[in-house]
Protein backbone atom coordinates (compact mmCIF):
# COMPACT_ATOMS: atom_id res chain seq x y z
CA MET A 1 23.39 -30.72 -22.95
CA ILE A 2 20.02 -29.76 -21.39
CA SER A 3 16.96 -29.94 -23.58
CA ALA A 4 14.59 -27.01 -24.07
CA ALA A 5 11.87 -28.91 -22.16
CA GLU A 6 14.19 -29.36 -19.16
CA ILE A 7 15.10 -25.66 -19.20
CA ARG A 8 11.39 -24.72 -19.21
CA LYS A 9 10.74 -27.15 -16.35
CA LEU A 10 13.61 -25.67 -14.30
CA ALA A 11 12.35 -22.15 -15.00
CA ARG A 12 8.84 -23.07 -13.81
CA GLU A 13 10.24 -24.64 -10.63
CA GLU A 14 12.39 -21.59 -9.91
CA LYS A 15 9.43 -19.26 -10.44
CA ARG A 16 7.39 -21.28 -7.91
CA ARG A 17 10.13 -20.88 -5.29
CA LEU A 18 10.07 -17.10 -5.53
CA SER A 19 7.36 -15.18 -3.75
CA TRP A 20 5.13 -13.07 -5.98
CA ASP A 21 6.93 -9.93 -4.79
CA GLU A 22 10.31 -11.29 -5.88
CA GLN A 23 9.22 -12.40 -9.34
CA ILE A 24 10.26 -10.34 -12.34
CA CYS A 25 7.56 -8.05 -13.66
CA GLU A 26 7.70 -8.65 -17.40
CA LYS A 27 7.38 -5.73 -19.80
CA THR A 28 8.38 -3.10 -17.23
CA PHE A 29 11.50 -1.00 -17.33
CA LEU A 30 13.40 1.43 -15.11
CA GLU A 31 11.70 4.24 -17.05
CA ASP A 32 8.36 3.03 -15.60
CA ILE A 33 9.56 3.82 -12.09
CA ASP A 34 8.86 7.21 -10.49
CA GLU A 35 12.23 8.55 -9.31
CA LYS A 36 10.59 11.09 -6.96
CA LYS A 37 8.81 8.28 -5.10
CA ILE A 38 12.06 6.38 -4.67
CA ARG A 39 13.89 9.49 -3.43
CA TRP A 40 11.07 10.19 -0.98
CA PHE A 41 11.16 6.58 0.25
CA VAL A 42 14.95 6.56 0.74
CA ARG A 43 14.77 9.87 2.64
CA GLU A 44 11.91 8.73 4.91
CA ALA A 45 13.34 5.25 5.49
CA GLY A 46 16.68 6.84 6.33
CA LYS A 47 15.04 9.05 8.96
CA GLN A 48 12.61 6.54 10.40
CA ARG A 49 14.39 3.21 9.92
CA ARG A 50 18.01 4.27 9.51
CA LEU A 51 18.15 2.86 5.98
CA ASN A 52 21.76 3.21 4.89
CA ILE A 53 21.31 4.22 1.24
CA SER A 54 22.38 7.61 -0.06
CA GLU A 55 19.56 9.82 -1.31
CA ASP A 56 21.75 10.65 -4.31
CA ALA A 57 22.53 7.05 -5.26
CA PRO A 58 21.58 6.03 -8.80
CA ILE A 59 18.05 4.60 -9.00
CA ASP A 60 19.19 1.19 -10.21
CA GLU A 61 21.64 0.96 -7.29
CA VAL A 62 18.88 1.85 -4.81
CA LEU A 63 16.58 -0.79 -6.29
CA VAL A 64 19.32 -3.44 -6.15
CA LYS A 65 20.02 -2.65 -2.49
CA LEU A 66 16.28 -2.90 -1.75
CA LYS A 67 16.21 -6.23 -3.67
CA LEU A 68 13.71 -4.79 -6.14
CA LEU A 69 15.91 -5.13 -9.24
CA THR A 70 17.39 -8.42 -10.42
CA ASP A 71 19.56 -8.68 -13.54
CA ARG A 72 18.39 -5.16 -14.50
CA LYS A 73 14.76 -6.33 -14.36
CA LEU A 74 12.15 -4.95 -11.97
CA THR A 75 10.37 -7.17 -9.49
CA ASN A 76 6.62 -7.07 -8.92
CA ALA A 77 7.27 -5.39 -5.57
CA ALA A 78 9.21 -2.57 -7.27
CA VAL A 79 6.27 -1.93 -9.58
CA LEU A 80 3.74 -1.98 -6.73
CA LEU A 81 5.83 0.44 -4.70
CA PHE A 82 7.20 2.86 -7.26
CA SER A 83 5.51 2.53 -10.65
CA ARG A 84 4.17 5.58 -12.49
CA LYS A 85 1.10 3.60 -13.63
CA SER A 86 -0.95 0.83 -12.02
CA LYS A 87 -0.28 -2.57 -13.52
CA PHE A 88 -1.88 -5.03 -11.12
CA LEU A 89 -5.21 -5.70 -9.47
CA GLN A 90 -3.32 -5.11 -6.21
CA SER A 91 -2.86 -1.50 -7.34
CA GLU A 92 -6.54 -0.79 -6.78
CA VAL A 93 -8.58 -0.39 -3.61
CA LYS A 94 -12.29 0.22 -3.42
CA CYS A 95 -13.35 2.09 -0.28
CA ILE A 96 -17.02 1.91 0.61
CA ARG A 97 -19.02 3.31 3.50
CA PHE A 98 -22.26 1.41 3.80
CA SER A 99 -25.42 2.90 5.20
CA GLY A 100 -25.73 0.10 7.78
CA ASN A 101 -23.86 -2.95 8.99
CA GLU A 102 -24.54 -4.98 5.84
CA PRO A 103 -22.56 -4.50 2.63
CA ILE A 104 -25.52 -3.49 0.48
CA LYS A 105 -26.47 -0.44 -1.54
CA PRO A 106 -27.10 2.42 -1.23
CA TYR A 107 -23.61 3.51 -0.29
CA ILE A 108 -23.00 6.64 1.74
CA ASP A 109 -19.57 7.11 0.16
CA PHE A 110 -17.60 5.21 -2.47
CA GLN A 111 -14.16 5.78 -3.90
CA THR A 112 -11.86 3.75 -6.14
CA LEU A 113 -8.18 4.35 -5.46
CA GLU A 114 -5.36 3.47 -7.83
CA GLY A 115 -1.62 3.86 -7.55
CA THR A 116 1.37 2.65 -5.62
CA VAL A 117 1.03 1.00 -2.22
CA PHE A 118 1.86 4.36 -0.63
CA ASP A 119 -0.88 6.10 -2.63
CA LEU A 120 -3.40 3.42 -1.64
CA VAL A 121 -2.60 3.68 2.06
CA ASP A 122 -2.81 7.48 2.05
CA GLY A 123 -6.04 7.49 0.04
CA ALA A 124 -7.72 4.83 2.19
CA GLU A 125 -6.71 6.68 5.37
CA ASP A 126 -8.19 9.92 4.00
CA PHE A 127 -11.39 8.05 3.11
CA VAL A 128 -11.79 6.58 6.60
CA LEU A 129 -11.02 9.85 8.38
CA ARG A 130 -13.56 11.60 6.17
CA ASN A 131 -16.20 9.00 7.10
CA ILE A 132 -15.83 8.64 10.86
CA LYS A 133 -17.08 10.95 13.57
CA LYS A 134 -14.86 13.69 14.86
CA SER A 135 -15.40 16.32 17.46
CA ILE A 136 -14.06 19.83 17.12
CA TRP A 137 -13.76 22.39 19.89
CA LEU A 138 -12.19 25.75 20.54
CA ILE A 139 -9.67 26.14 23.32
CA PRO A 140 -9.80 29.46 25.19
CA GLY A 141 -6.81 31.64 24.41
CA GLN A 142 -5.83 29.74 21.24
CA LEU A 143 -6.58 30.60 17.64
CA GLN A 144 -6.63 27.06 16.34
CA ARG A 145 -9.36 24.58 17.04
CA GLU A 146 -8.65 21.02 18.10
CA LYS A 147 -10.22 17.93 16.65
CA LYS A 148 -10.44 14.40 17.92
CA TYR A 149 -11.46 11.48 15.74
CA GLU A 150 -13.70 8.68 16.91
CA TYR A 151 -10.72 6.31 16.45
CA PRO A 152 -7.03 7.19 16.67
CA PRO A 153 -5.69 8.00 13.17
CA ASP A 154 -2.50 6.01 13.87
CA ALA A 155 -4.57 2.88 14.61
CA ILE A 156 -6.60 3.41 11.45
CA ARG A 157 -3.45 3.78 9.36
CA GLU A 158 -1.92 0.65 10.88
CA ALA A 159 -5.08 -1.36 10.15
CA ILE A 160 -5.04 -0.13 6.54
CA VAL A 161 -1.34 -0.91 6.10
CA ASN A 162 -1.91 -4.40 7.52
CA LYS A 163 -4.83 -4.99 5.16
CA ILE A 164 -3.23 -3.60 2.00
CA GLY A 165 0.28 -4.89 2.63
CA GLY A 166 -0.61 -7.99 4.61
CA GLY A 167 0.86 -10.49 2.19
CA LYS A 168 -2.47 -11.29 0.58
CA ARG A 169 -1.33 -11.12 -3.01
CA ASN A 170 -4.78 -11.98 -4.36
CA LEU A 171 -6.30 -9.03 -2.53
CA ARG A 172 -8.45 -7.09 -4.98
CA TYR A 173 -10.67 -4.89 -2.87
CA VAL A 174 -10.39 -3.50 0.61
CA LEU A 175 -13.74 -2.51 1.97
CA ILE A 176 -13.50 0.22 4.57
CA GLN A 177 -16.88 -0.16 6.18
CA ASN A 178 -18.95 2.04 8.40
CA ALA A 179 -17.88 3.09 11.88
CA ALA A 180 -20.08 0.55 13.66
CA LYS A 181 -18.35 -2.34 11.91
CA MET A 182 -14.93 -0.83 12.60
CA GLN A 183 -15.82 -0.30 16.24
CA GLN A 184 -16.86 -3.94 16.54
CA LYS A 185 -13.52 -5.08 15.08
CA MET A 186 -11.56 -2.79 17.38
CA ARG A 187 -13.43 -4.16 20.42
CA GLN A 188 -12.56 -7.69 19.30
CA LYS A 189 -8.86 -6.73 19.12
CA GLY A 190 -9.08 -5.20 22.58
CA ASP A 191 -8.33 -1.62 21.44
């Protein structure tokens, strides 16, 4: 017979072996998950990554296949990706455009974003695109104007995804700084 102390010790050891994403998110239930977000994800992942899960599959089955549900309990990753309400510090991003190269007040623009990882990425991308230079011009013979951002939007989105989803589980704030700082980082990467 195993004592209660030994069971607690084994449980602590097992919890340490799991990454934060894989750990069970206590006090959350399937009802806390936004079904529309899961359906959207399955549809997009099917198109873009050939994910082989039916869009009509039951939500619990989808979560099990994605390894986001264990013994009918949601993992932290499931909550970060699909929760109706923010539950973690990682569910918040503060976007700031500074007036110079130093992170000091006054700010030119400031926005606190909350939500799922998808919401954070979209919101941060919108913030950056709103705060960088873009040129707009009319093309003869066309009704629509064309615009070109100072930095490619795909590169901006990738940088944001890498920062928000980069495995830094203690990440609390992502500071999207002014264009000069971003330009310096892009030059360092060779972009």
